[in-house]
Amino acid sequence: MKILRRLYDWVLGWANYRYAGAALFLLAFIESSVFPIPPDVLLIALTMAQPLSAMRYALLASIGSVFGGVLGYAIGYLLWQLLADFFFAYVPGFSPHSFATAQDLFARYDFLVVFTAGFTPIPYKLITIGAGVFHLSFPVFVLASLVGRSGRFFLVAWLLQRYGSPMREFIDRYFDWLAIGATMLLIAGFLVIKLL
């Protein structure tokens, strides 16, 4: 846990630098396949420091994350046999059990699985690599990633820009529950549309 805390503090430290936007893009990129700290941490810090740039930061995080997701997809599609042991041993969120669960979900819900992982605290890296391993349709993967990740980052940026510091504390404390609740509402909406 000390290592994760150090990484968390290191990520926050980038908010004070001139190239913080580039750091956010790179963080979002590598988090989508291997890095354990989500880009939301830096996005929140940057948006609080420069509220007028909130949407630009959300865009950088979205683009970086989707490109990182494509890298994760490529790892799964092309290199999984060589790298599986490494991921199971060293990358948080990867285990044979979680991977078997992901495979079953991909078989049934492709778009929704990628969208949900992109929007919620579910480890997105597990889904990006799994999508490649299980040969999910690439256009479906990119579209679901774009909608899920953009929805997440733009929502956080907008809330912080609009409501400021109290919203930051609220998001920090309840982000996981908020993301899960929003996803449940979206899934319910899909089910209602499907039943009509």
N, C-alpha and C. Protein backbone atom coordinates (compact mmCIF):
# COMPACT_ATOMS: atom_id res chain seq x y z
N MET A 1 0.82 -1.21 0.00
CA MET A 1 0.00 0.00 0.00
C MET A 1 0.86 1.27 0.00
N LYS A 2 2.05 1.20 0.62
CA LYS A 2 2.92 2.38 0.63
C LYS A 2 3.36 2.75 -0.78
N ILE A 3 3.60 1.74 -1.61
CA ILE A 3 4.00 2.01 -2.99
C ILE A 3 2.88 2.73 -3.74
N LEU A 4 1.63 2.25 -3.56
CA LEU A 4 0.50 2.91 -4.22
C LEU A 4 0.34 4.34 -3.73
N ARG A 5 0.54 4.57 -2.43
CA ARG A 5 0.44 5.92 -1.90
C ARG A 5 1.51 6.83 -2.50
N ARG A 6 2.72 6.30 -2.65
CA ARG A 6 3.79 7.09 -3.26
C ARG A 6 3.46 7.42 -4.72
N LEU A 7 2.94 6.44 -5.43
CA LEU A 7 2.54 6.68 -6.83
C LEU A 7 1.44 7.74 -6.89
N TYR A 8 0.49 7.65 -5.98
CA TYR A 8 -0.62 8.61 -5.91
C TYR A 8 -0.06 10.02 -5.70
N ASP A 9 0.83 10.17 -4.73
CA ASP A 9 1.43 11.47 -4.45
C ASP A 9 2.26 11.97 -5.62
N TRP A 10 2.98 11.06 -6.28
CA TRP A 10 3.79 11.42 -7.45
C TRP A 10 2.90 11.96 -8.56
N VAL A 11 1.76 11.27 -8.80
CA VAL A 11 0.82 11.72 -9.83
C VAL A 11 0.29 13.11 -9.49
N LEU A 12 -0.10 13.33 -8.23
CA LEU A 12 -0.61 14.65 -7.83
C LEU A 12 0.45 15.73 -8.01
N GLY A 13 1.71 15.37 -7.80
CA GLY A 13 2.78 16.34 -7.95
C GLY A 13 2.89 16.93 -9.35
N TRP A 14 2.42 16.21 -10.35
CA TRP A 14 2.49 16.71 -11.73
C TRP A 14 1.58 17.91 -11.96
N ALA A 15 0.61 18.12 -11.09
CA ALA A 15 -0.32 19.24 -11.26
C ALA A 15 0.40 20.59 -11.19
N ASN A 16 1.58 20.62 -10.59
CA ASN A 16 2.30 21.87 -10.39
C ASN A 16 3.28 22.20 -11.52
N TYR A 17 3.31 21.39 -12.55
CA TYR A 17 4.30 21.59 -13.60
C TYR A 17 3.68 22.17 -14.87
N ARG A 18 4.53 22.78 -15.66
CA ARG A 18 4.11 23.42 -16.91
C ARG A 18 3.48 22.42 -17.88
N TYR A 19 4.00 21.21 -17.90
CA TYR A 19 3.51 20.20 -18.84
C TYR A 19 2.51 19.24 -18.19
N ALA A 20 1.70 19.77 -17.30
CA ALA A 20 0.72 18.95 -16.59
C ALA A 20 -0.29 18.31 -17.55
N GLY A 21 -0.67 19.03 -18.61
CA GLY A 21 -1.60 18.46 -19.60
C GLY A 21 -1.02 17.25 -20.29
N ALA A 22 0.25 17.33 -20.66
CA ALA A 22 0.92 16.19 -21.29
C ALA A 22 1.04 15.03 -20.30
N ALA A 23 1.31 15.36 -19.04
CA ALA A 23 1.39 14.32 -18.01
C ALA A 23 0.04 13.63 -17.84
N LEU A 24 -1.04 14.40 -17.89
CA LEU A 24 -2.38 13.82 -17.79
C LEU A 24 -2.65 12.88 -18.96
N PHE A 25 -2.32 13.32 -20.16
CA PHE A 25 -2.49 12.47 -21.34
C PHE A 25 -1.72 11.15 -21.18
N LEU A 26 -0.44 11.25 -20.78
CA LEU A 26 0.39 10.04 -20.61
C LEU A 26 -0.13 9.15 -19.49
N LEU A 27 -0.56 9.74 -18.39
CA LEU A 27 -1.12 8.96 -17.29
C LEU A 27 -2.36 8.20 -17.75
N ALA A 28 -3.25 8.88 -18.46
CA ALA A 28 -4.46 8.23 -18.96
C ALA A 28 -4.10 7.12 -19.95
N PHE A 29 -3.06 7.35 -20.74
CA PHE A 29 -2.62 6.36 -21.72
C PHE A 29 -2.11 5.09 -21.04
N ILE A 30 -1.18 5.24 -20.09
CA ILE A 30 -0.59 4.03 -19.48
C ILE A 30 -1.52 3.37 -18.47
N GLU A 31 -2.43 4.13 -17.87
CA GLU A 31 -3.38 3.53 -16.93
C GLU A 31 -4.31 2.56 -17.63
N SER A 32 -4.54 2.75 -18.90
CA SER A 32 -5.46 1.90 -19.65
C SER A 32 -4.92 0.51 -19.92
N SER A 33 -3.63 0.28 -19.62
CA SER A 33 -3.10 -1.07 -19.83
C SER A 33 -2.25 -1.59 -18.67
N VAL A 34 -1.54 -0.72 -17.92
CA VAL A 34 -0.69 -1.27 -16.86
C VAL A 34 -0.64 -0.47 -15.57
N PHE A 35 -0.83 0.84 -15.58
CA PHE A 35 -0.57 1.67 -14.40
C PHE A 35 -1.73 1.62 -13.43
N PRO A 36 -1.47 1.53 -12.10
CA PRO A 36 -2.56 1.34 -11.14
C PRO A 36 -3.32 2.60 -10.71
N ILE A 37 -2.76 3.80 -10.90
CA ILE A 37 -3.41 5.02 -10.42
C ILE A 37 -4.26 5.63 -11.54
N PRO A 38 -5.57 5.83 -11.30
CA PRO A 38 -6.42 6.38 -12.36
C PRO A 38 -6.11 7.84 -12.66
N PRO A 39 -6.34 8.28 -13.88
CA PRO A 39 -6.05 9.67 -14.26
C PRO A 39 -6.96 10.68 -13.58
N ASP A 40 -8.04 10.22 -12.99
CA ASP A 40 -8.97 11.13 -12.30
C ASP A 40 -8.25 11.95 -11.24
N VAL A 41 -7.25 11.34 -10.59
CA VAL A 41 -6.51 12.02 -9.53
C VAL A 41 -5.89 13.30 -10.07
N LEU A 42 -5.18 13.22 -11.17
CA LEU A 42 -4.54 14.40 -11.76
C LEU A 42 -5.58 15.31 -12.41
N LEU A 43 -6.59 14.74 -13.03
CA LEU A 43 -7.66 15.54 -13.64
C LEU A 43 -8.32 16.43 -12.59
N ILE A 44 -8.61 15.88 -11.42
CA ILE A 44 -9.24 16.65 -10.35
C ILE A 44 -8.31 17.78 -9.90
N ALA A 45 -7.04 17.46 -9.69
CA ALA A 45 -6.09 18.49 -9.24
C ALA A 45 -5.95 19.61 -10.27
N LEU A 46 -5.85 19.25 -11.54
CA LEU A 46 -5.70 20.27 -12.59
C LEU A 46 -6.95 21.11 -12.74
N THR A 47 -8.10 20.49 -12.67
CA THR A 47 -9.36 21.22 -12.82
C THR A 47 -9.57 22.18 -11.66
N MET A 48 -9.18 21.75 -10.47
CA MET A 48 -9.31 22.66 -9.32
C MET A 48 -8.35 23.84 -9.44
N ALA A 49 -7.16 23.59 -9.97
CA ALA A 49 -6.16 24.65 -10.12
C ALA A 49 -6.51 25.61 -11.25
N GLN A 50 -7.12 25.08 -12.33
CA GLN A 50 -7.43 25.90 -13.51
C GLN A 50 -8.83 25.56 -14.03
N PRO A 51 -9.87 26.01 -13.35
CA PRO A 51 -11.24 25.63 -13.72
C PRO A 51 -11.61 25.96 -15.18
N LEU A 52 -11.04 27.03 -15.73
CA LEU A 52 -11.39 27.40 -17.11
C LEU A 52 -10.83 26.41 -18.13
N SER A 53 -9.87 25.60 -17.73
CA SER A 53 -9.29 24.59 -18.62
C SER A 53 -9.86 23.19 -18.38
N ALA A 54 -10.92 23.09 -17.60
CA ALA A 54 -11.47 21.80 -17.20
C ALA A 54 -11.81 20.91 -18.40
N MET A 55 -12.48 21.45 -19.39
CA MET A 55 -12.91 20.65 -20.53
C MET A 55 -11.71 20.22 -21.39
N ARG A 56 -10.71 21.08 -21.48
CA ARG A 56 -9.49 20.71 -22.22
C ARG A 56 -8.80 19.54 -21.52
N TYR A 57 -8.75 19.59 -20.19
CA TYR A 57 -8.13 18.49 -19.45
C TYR A 57 -8.95 17.19 -19.60
N ALA A 58 -10.26 17.32 -19.59
CA ALA A 58 -11.11 16.14 -19.79
C ALA A 58 -10.88 15.54 -21.17
N LEU A 59 -10.73 16.40 -22.17
CA LEU A 59 -10.46 15.92 -23.53
C LEU A 59 -9.11 15.21 -23.61
N LEU A 60 -8.08 15.78 -22.99
CA LEU A 60 -6.76 15.13 -22.98
C LEU A 60 -6.82 13.76 -22.30
N ALA A 61 -7.51 13.70 -21.17
CA ALA A 61 -7.63 12.42 -20.46
C ALA A 61 -8.40 11.40 -21.30
N SER A 62 -9.45 11.85 -21.97
CA SER A 62 -10.27 10.95 -22.80
C SER A 62 -9.46 10.38 -23.96
N ILE A 63 -8.78 11.26 -24.68
CA ILE A 63 -8.00 10.82 -25.85
C ILE A 63 -6.87 9.90 -25.40
N GLY A 64 -6.15 10.30 -24.36
CA GLY A 64 -5.07 9.45 -23.85
C GLY A 64 -5.56 8.09 -23.42
N SER A 65 -6.69 8.06 -22.75
CA SER A 65 -7.23 6.81 -22.26
C SER A 65 -7.68 5.89 -23.39
N VAL A 66 -8.34 6.45 -24.40
CA VAL A 66 -8.80 5.62 -25.52
C VAL A 66 -7.59 5.08 -26.30
N PHE A 67 -6.59 5.91 -26.55
CA PHE A 67 -5.38 5.41 -27.22
C PHE A 67 -4.68 4.35 -26.37
N GLY A 68 -4.65 4.57 -25.06
CA GLY A 68 -4.08 3.56 -24.17
C GLY A 68 -4.90 2.28 -24.20
N GLY A 69 -6.21 2.41 -24.32
CA GLY A 69 -7.07 1.24 -24.45
C GLY A 69 -6.77 0.46 -25.72
N VAL A 70 -6.48 1.19 -26.80
CA VAL A 70 -6.10 0.52 -28.06
C VAL A 70 -4.79 -0.24 -27.87
N LEU A 71 -3.85 0.34 -27.12
CA LEU A 71 -2.62 -0.39 -26.81
C LEU A 71 -2.94 -1.64 -26.00
N GLY A 72 -3.81 -1.52 -25.00
CA GLY A 72 -4.21 -2.69 -24.23
C GLY A 72 -4.85 -3.76 -25.10
N TYR A 73 -5.70 -3.33 -26.02
CA TYR A 73 -6.33 -4.26 -26.96
C TYR A 73 -5.26 -4.99 -27.78
N ALA A 74 -4.26 -4.23 -28.27
CA ALA A 74 -3.18 -4.83 -29.06
C ALA A 74 -2.36 -5.82 -28.23
N ILE A 75 -2.11 -5.48 -26.96
CA ILE A 75 -1.39 -6.40 -26.08
C ILE A 75 -2.16 -7.71 -25.97
N GLY A 76 -3.46 -7.61 -25.74
CA GLY A 76 -4.28 -8.81 -25.63
C GLY A 76 -4.36 -9.60 -26.93
N TYR A 77 -4.51 -8.89 -28.02
CA TYR A 77 -4.69 -9.53 -29.32
C TYR A 77 -3.41 -10.19 -29.82
N LEU A 78 -2.28 -9.50 -29.63
CA LEU A 78 -1.03 -9.94 -30.25
C LEU A 78 -0.05 -10.62 -29.29
N LEU A 79 -0.06 -10.21 -28.03
CA LEU A 79 1.03 -10.62 -27.14
C LEU A 79 0.60 -11.39 -25.88
N TRP A 80 -0.68 -11.69 -25.76
CA TRP A 80 -1.17 -12.28 -24.51
C TRP A 80 -0.43 -13.55 -24.12
N GLN A 81 -0.18 -14.43 -25.05
CA GLN A 81 0.49 -15.70 -24.73
C GLN A 81 1.86 -15.47 -24.11
N LEU A 82 2.55 -14.41 -24.54
CA LEU A 82 3.87 -14.11 -24.01
C LEU A 82 3.83 -13.38 -22.67
N LEU A 83 2.77 -12.59 -22.43
CA LEU A 83 2.74 -11.69 -21.28
C LEU A 83 1.77 -12.09 -20.17
N ALA A 84 0.99 -13.14 -20.36
CA ALA A 84 -0.04 -13.50 -19.38
C ALA A 84 0.52 -13.68 -17.98
N ASP A 85 1.61 -14.42 -17.84
CA ASP A 85 2.18 -14.65 -16.51
C ASP A 85 2.59 -13.35 -15.83
N PHE A 86 3.18 -12.43 -16.59
CA PHE A 86 3.58 -11.14 -16.04
C PHE A 86 2.37 -10.38 -15.50
N PHE A 87 1.29 -10.28 -16.31
CA PHE A 87 0.11 -9.54 -15.89
C PHE A 87 -0.53 -10.15 -14.66
N PHE A 88 -0.65 -11.48 -14.63
CA PHE A 88 -1.26 -12.14 -13.48
C PHE A 88 -0.42 -11.94 -12.21
N ALA A 89 0.89 -11.83 -12.36
CA ALA A 89 1.77 -11.71 -11.20
C ALA A 89 1.93 -10.27 -10.71
N TYR A 90 1.94 -9.29 -11.64
CA TYR A 90 2.35 -7.95 -11.25
C TYR A 90 1.36 -6.81 -11.48
N VAL A 91 0.35 -7.00 -12.28
CA VAL A 91 -0.56 -5.89 -12.59
C VAL A 91 -1.84 -6.02 -11.77
N PRO A 92 -2.13 -5.00 -10.93
CA PRO A 92 -3.34 -5.06 -10.09
C PRO A 92 -4.60 -5.23 -10.93
N GLY A 93 -5.51 -6.06 -10.45
CA GLY A 93 -6.78 -6.30 -11.15
C GLY A 93 -6.78 -7.54 -12.01
N PHE A 94 -5.59 -8.10 -12.27
CA PHE A 94 -5.50 -9.29 -13.12
C PHE A 94 -5.37 -10.53 -12.25
N SER A 95 -6.22 -11.50 -12.50
CA SER A 95 -6.12 -12.83 -11.89
C SER A 95 -6.81 -13.79 -12.84
N PRO A 96 -6.48 -15.07 -12.78
CA PRO A 96 -7.18 -16.02 -13.65
C PRO A 96 -8.69 -15.97 -13.46
N HIS A 97 -9.14 -15.79 -12.22
CA HIS A 97 -10.58 -15.74 -11.95
C HIS A 97 -11.22 -14.49 -12.60
N SER A 98 -10.61 -13.31 -12.41
CA SER A 98 -11.18 -12.10 -12.98
C SER A 98 -11.17 -12.17 -14.51
N PHE A 99 -10.17 -12.81 -15.05
CA PHE A 99 -10.09 -12.93 -16.51
C PHE A 99 -11.16 -13.87 -17.05
N ALA A 100 -11.42 -14.97 -16.35
CA ALA A 100 -12.49 -15.90 -16.77
C ALA A 100 -13.85 -15.21 -16.69
N THR A 101 -14.04 -14.40 -15.65
CA THR A 101 -15.29 -13.64 -15.52
C THR A 101 -15.43 -12.65 -16.68
N ALA A 102 -14.34 -11.97 -17.02
CA ALA A 102 -14.37 -11.02 -18.14
C ALA A 102 -14.72 -11.72 -19.44
N GLN A 103 -14.16 -12.91 -19.66
CA GLN A 103 -14.44 -13.64 -20.90
C GLN A 103 -15.93 -13.95 -21.02
N ASP A 104 -16.52 -14.37 -19.91
CA ASP A 104 -17.95 -14.69 -19.92
C ASP A 104 -18.78 -13.43 -20.21
N LEU A 105 -18.41 -12.32 -19.60
CA LEU A 105 -19.14 -11.07 -19.82
C LEU A 105 -19.00 -10.58 -21.26
N PHE A 106 -17.80 -10.70 -21.84
CA PHE A 106 -17.61 -10.30 -23.24
C PHE A 106 -18.51 -11.10 -24.16
N ALA A 107 -18.64 -12.38 -23.88
CA ALA A 107 -19.46 -13.23 -24.74
C ALA A 107 -20.91 -12.78 -24.75
N ARG A 108 -21.37 -12.19 -23.65
CA ARG A 108 -22.77 -11.81 -23.54
C ARG A 108 -23.06 -10.34 -23.80
N TYR A 109 -22.15 -9.45 -23.38
CA TYR A 109 -22.51 -8.03 -23.34
C TYR A 109 -21.50 -7.09 -23.98
N ASP A 110 -20.64 -7.51 -24.84
CA ASP A 110 -19.52 -6.78 -25.43
C ASP A 110 -19.48 -5.26 -25.18
N PHE A 111 -20.35 -4.48 -25.83
CA PHE A 111 -20.32 -3.02 -25.70
C PHE A 111 -20.49 -2.58 -24.25
N LEU A 112 -21.47 -3.15 -23.58
CA LEU A 112 -21.75 -2.74 -22.20
C LEU A 112 -20.60 -3.02 -21.26
N VAL A 113 -19.88 -4.12 -21.47
CA VAL A 113 -18.74 -4.44 -20.61
C VAL A 113 -17.66 -3.37 -20.75
N VAL A 114 -17.32 -3.02 -21.97
CA VAL A 114 -16.27 -2.02 -22.20
C VAL A 114 -16.73 -0.66 -21.69
N PHE A 115 -17.96 -0.27 -21.99
CA PHE A 115 -18.48 1.00 -21.51
C PHE A 115 -18.45 1.07 -19.99
N THR A 116 -18.94 0.03 -19.34
CA THR A 116 -19.01 0.01 -17.88
C THR A 116 -17.63 0.12 -17.26
N ALA A 117 -16.67 -0.61 -17.79
CA ALA A 117 -15.30 -0.52 -17.27
C ALA A 117 -14.70 0.85 -17.53
N GLY A 118 -15.07 1.46 -18.64
CA GLY A 118 -14.56 2.79 -18.94
C GLY A 118 -15.12 3.87 -18.04
N PHE A 119 -16.34 3.68 -17.58
CA PHE A 119 -17.02 4.71 -16.80
C PHE A 119 -16.91 4.52 -15.29
N THR A 120 -16.77 3.29 -14.85
CA THR A 120 -16.78 2.97 -13.42
C THR A 120 -15.38 2.63 -12.92
N PRO A 121 -15.27 2.29 -11.63
CA PRO A 121 -13.97 1.92 -11.07
C PRO A 121 -13.51 0.50 -11.43
N ILE A 122 -14.27 -0.24 -12.20
CA ILE A 122 -13.83 -1.56 -12.65
C ILE A 122 -12.50 -1.38 -13.38
N PRO A 123 -11.51 -2.23 -13.12
CA PRO A 123 -10.19 -2.03 -13.77
C PRO A 123 -10.30 -2.04 -15.30
N TYR A 124 -10.19 -0.86 -15.90
CA TYR A 124 -10.32 -0.71 -17.35
C TYR A 124 -9.26 -1.50 -18.09
N LYS A 125 -8.05 -1.58 -17.51
CA LYS A 125 -6.94 -2.30 -18.15
C LYS A 125 -7.28 -3.77 -18.35
N LEU A 126 -8.00 -4.37 -17.39
CA LEU A 126 -8.42 -5.76 -17.51
C LEU A 126 -9.32 -5.93 -18.74
N ILE A 127 -10.18 -4.97 -18.95
CA ILE A 127 -11.14 -5.06 -20.06
C ILE A 127 -10.46 -4.74 -21.39
N THR A 128 -9.54 -3.77 -21.43
CA THR A 128 -8.90 -3.45 -22.71
C THR A 128 -8.08 -4.64 -23.22
N ILE A 129 -7.34 -5.24 -22.32
CA ILE A 129 -6.52 -6.40 -22.73
C ILE A 129 -7.41 -7.60 -23.01
N GLY A 130 -8.42 -7.79 -22.18
CA GLY A 130 -9.36 -8.89 -22.41
C GLY A 130 -10.09 -8.77 -23.74
N ALA A 131 -10.44 -7.53 -24.13
CA ALA A 131 -11.12 -7.34 -25.42
C ALA A 131 -10.24 -7.82 -26.56
N GLY A 132 -8.93 -7.60 -26.46
CA GLY A 132 -8.02 -8.09 -27.50
C GLY A 132 -7.88 -9.60 -27.46
N VAL A 133 -7.73 -10.15 -26.26
CA VAL A 133 -7.57 -11.61 -26.12
C VAL A 133 -8.78 -12.33 -26.70
N PHE A 134 -9.97 -11.82 -26.40
CA PHE A 134 -11.20 -12.50 -26.83
C PHE A 134 -11.73 -12.00 -28.16
N HIS A 135 -10.91 -11.18 -28.87
CA HIS A 135 -11.21 -10.70 -30.22
C HIS A 135 -12.56 -10.00 -30.34
N LEU A 136 -12.83 -9.13 -29.37
CA LEU A 136 -14.02 -8.29 -29.47
C LEU A 136 -13.90 -7.42 -30.72
N SER A 137 -15.00 -7.15 -31.36
CA SER A 137 -14.99 -6.28 -32.54
C SER A 137 -14.27 -4.97 -32.20
N PHE A 138 -13.25 -4.64 -32.98
CA PHE A 138 -12.45 -3.45 -32.69
C PHE A 138 -13.28 -2.16 -32.74
N PRO A 139 -14.14 -1.94 -33.76
CA PRO A 139 -14.96 -0.72 -33.76
C PRO A 139 -15.88 -0.63 -32.54
N VAL A 140 -16.45 -1.75 -32.12
CA VAL A 140 -17.29 -1.76 -30.92
C VAL A 140 -16.46 -1.37 -29.70
N PHE A 141 -15.26 -1.93 -29.61
CA PHE A 141 -14.37 -1.63 -28.50
C PHE A 141 -14.02 -0.13 -28.45
N VAL A 142 -13.64 0.44 -29.58
CA VAL A 142 -13.25 1.86 -29.61
C VAL A 142 -14.44 2.75 -29.27
N LEU A 143 -15.61 2.47 -29.84
CA LEU A 143 -16.80 3.28 -29.57
C LEU A 143 -17.18 3.21 -28.09
N ALA A 144 -17.21 2.01 -27.52
CA ALA A 144 -17.57 1.86 -26.11
C ALA A 144 -16.54 2.54 -25.20
N SER A 145 -15.28 2.45 -25.56
CA SER A 145 -14.23 3.11 -24.78
C SER A 145 -14.38 4.63 -24.85
N LEU A 146 -14.63 5.13 -26.03
CA LEU A 146 -14.78 6.57 -26.23
C LEU A 146 -15.97 7.11 -25.42
N VAL A 147 -17.09 6.42 -25.47
CA VAL A 147 -18.28 6.87 -24.75
C VAL A 147 -18.06 6.75 -23.24
N GLY A 148 -17.53 5.63 -22.78
CA GLY A 148 -17.34 5.42 -21.35
C GLY A 148 -16.30 6.33 -20.74
N ARG A 149 -15.13 6.40 -21.35
CA ARG A 149 -14.06 7.22 -20.78
C ARG A 149 -14.38 8.71 -20.89
N SER A 150 -14.88 9.15 -22.03
CA SER A 150 -15.24 10.57 -22.18
C SER A 150 -16.35 10.94 -21.20
N GLY A 151 -17.34 10.07 -21.08
CA GLY A 151 -18.43 10.34 -20.14
C GLY A 151 -17.90 10.54 -18.73
N ARG A 152 -17.01 9.68 -18.33
CA ARG A 152 -16.43 9.76 -16.99
C ARG A 152 -15.64 11.05 -16.78
N PHE A 153 -14.69 11.32 -17.67
CA PHE A 153 -13.79 12.46 -17.47
C PHE A 153 -14.51 13.80 -17.64
N PHE A 154 -15.40 13.90 -18.62
CA PHE A 154 -16.12 15.16 -18.81
C PHE A 154 -17.09 15.41 -17.66
N LEU A 155 -17.69 14.36 -17.12
CA LEU A 155 -18.58 14.53 -15.97
C LEU A 155 -17.81 15.05 -14.76
N VAL A 156 -16.68 14.45 -14.47
CA VAL A 156 -15.85 14.90 -13.35
C VAL A 156 -15.42 16.35 -13.55
N ALA A 157 -14.93 16.68 -14.74
CA ALA A 157 -14.46 18.04 -15.01
C ALA A 157 -15.60 19.05 -14.90
N TRP A 158 -16.76 18.71 -15.44
CA TRP A 158 -17.90 19.63 -15.38
C TRP A 158 -18.35 19.86 -13.95
N LEU A 159 -18.46 18.78 -13.16
CA LEU A 159 -18.88 18.93 -11.76
C LEU A 159 -17.91 19.81 -10.98
N LEU A 160 -16.62 19.59 -11.19
CA LEU A 160 -15.63 20.38 -10.48
C LEU A 160 -15.62 21.83 -10.94
N GLN A 161 -15.79 22.05 -12.23
CA GLN A 161 -15.81 23.41 -12.76
C GLN A 161 -17.04 24.16 -12.23
N ARG A 162 -18.12 23.47 -12.16
CA ARG A 162 -19.39 24.10 -11.76
C ARG A 162 -19.50 24.32 -10.26
N TYR A 163 -19.07 23.31 -9.47
CA TYR A 163 -19.33 23.36 -8.03
C TYR A 163 -18.08 23.49 -7.16
N GLY A 164 -16.89 23.42 -7.76
CA GLY A 164 -15.65 23.72 -7.05
C GLY A 164 -15.25 22.76 -5.96
N SER A 165 -14.65 23.31 -4.93
CA SER A 165 -14.01 22.54 -3.86
C SER A 165 -14.95 21.57 -3.13
N PRO A 166 -16.18 21.98 -2.77
CA PRO A 166 -17.06 21.00 -2.11
C PRO A 166 -17.32 19.77 -2.99
N MET A 167 -17.41 20.00 -4.31
CA MET A 167 -17.62 18.86 -5.22
C MET A 167 -16.39 17.98 -5.26
N ARG A 168 -15.21 18.56 -5.18
CA ARG A 168 -13.99 17.76 -5.17
C ARG A 168 -13.99 16.80 -3.99
N GLU A 169 -14.33 17.31 -2.81
CA GLU A 169 -14.36 16.46 -1.62
C GLU A 169 -15.41 15.36 -1.78
N PHE A 170 -16.58 15.73 -2.32
CA PHE A 170 -17.65 14.76 -2.52
C PHE A 170 -17.23 13.67 -3.52
N ILE A 171 -16.63 14.08 -4.64
CA ILE A 171 -16.18 13.12 -5.65
C ILE A 171 -15.09 12.22 -5.09
N ASP A 172 -14.11 12.81 -4.38
CA ASP A 172 -13.05 12.00 -3.78
C ASP A 172 -13.62 10.93 -2.87
N ARG A 173 -14.61 11.31 -2.09
CA ARG A 173 -15.17 10.38 -1.10
C ARG A 173 -16.09 9.33 -1.73
N TYR A 174 -16.92 9.73 -2.72
CA TYR A 174 -17.98 8.85 -3.21
C TYR A 174 -17.88 8.50 -4.70
N PHE A 175 -16.72 8.71 -5.33
CA PHE A 175 -16.63 8.52 -6.78
C PHE A 175 -17.06 7.12 -7.20
N ASP A 176 -16.58 6.10 -6.51
CA ASP A 176 -16.91 4.72 -6.89
C ASP A 176 -18.42 4.50 -6.87
N TRP A 177 -19.08 4.96 -5.83
CA TRP A 177 -20.54 4.78 -5.72
C TRP A 177 -21.29 5.59 -6.77
N LEU A 178 -20.82 6.80 -7.03
CA LEU A 178 -21.47 7.63 -8.05
C LEU A 178 -21.36 6.99 -9.43
N ALA A 179 -20.18 6.47 -9.76
CA ALA A 179 -19.98 5.84 -11.06
C ALA A 179 -20.83 4.58 -11.19
N ILE A 180 -20.90 3.79 -10.13
CA ILE A 180 -21.72 2.57 -10.17
C ILE A 180 -23.20 2.94 -10.33
N GLY A 181 -23.66 3.96 -9.59
CA GLY A 181 -25.06 4.38 -9.70
C GLY A 181 -25.40 4.87 -11.09
N ALA A 182 -24.53 5.68 -11.68
CA ALA A 182 -24.78 6.18 -13.04
C ALA A 182 -24.80 5.05 -14.05
N THR A 183 -23.92 4.07 -13.88
CA THR A 183 -23.89 2.93 -14.78
C THR A 183 -25.15 2.09 -14.65
N MET A 184 -25.62 1.90 -13.43
CA MET A 184 -26.85 1.13 -13.23
C MET A 184 -28.04 1.82 -13.92
N LEU A 185 -28.07 3.15 -13.83
CA LEU A 185 -29.14 3.88 -14.51
C LEU A 185 -29.05 3.70 -16.02
N LEU A 186 -27.84 3.74 -16.56
CA LEU A 186 -27.65 3.57 -18.00
C LEU A 186 -28.08 2.16 -18.44
N ILE A 187 -27.67 1.15 -17.68
CA ILE A 187 -28.05 -0.23 -18.01
C ILE A 187 -29.56 -0.39 -17.94
N ALA A 188 -30.18 0.20 -16.92
CA ALA A 188 -31.64 0.15 -16.82
C ALA A 188 -32.29 0.79 -18.04
N GLY A 189 -31.71 1.91 -18.50
CA GLY A 189 -32.23 2.56 -19.69
C GLY A 189 -32.13 1.67 -20.92
N PHE A 190 -30.99 0.98 -21.08
CA PHE A 190 -30.83 0.04 -22.19
C PHE A 190 -31.86 -1.08 -22.12
N LEU A 191 -32.11 -1.59 -20.93
CA LEU A 191 -33.09 -2.67 -20.76
C LEU A 191 -34.49 -2.21 -21.09
N VAL A 192 -34.84 -1.00 -20.67
CA VAL A 192 -36.16 -0.47 -20.98
C VAL A 192 -36.33 -0.32 -22.48
N ILE A 193 -35.31 0.22 -23.15
CA ILE A 193 -35.38 0.38 -24.61
C ILE A 193 -35.50 -0.97 -25.29
N LYS A 194 -34.78 -1.96 -24.79
CA LYS A 194 -34.80 -3.29 -25.39
C LYS A 194 -36.17 -3.96 -25.22
N LEU A 195 -36.83 -3.70 -24.09
CA LEU A 195 -38.14 -4.31 -23.82
C LEU A 195 -39.27 -3.64 -24.58
N LEU A 196 -39.07 -2.39 -25.00
CA LEU A 196 -40.14 -1.66 -25.71
C LEU A 196 -40.28 -2.07 -27.14
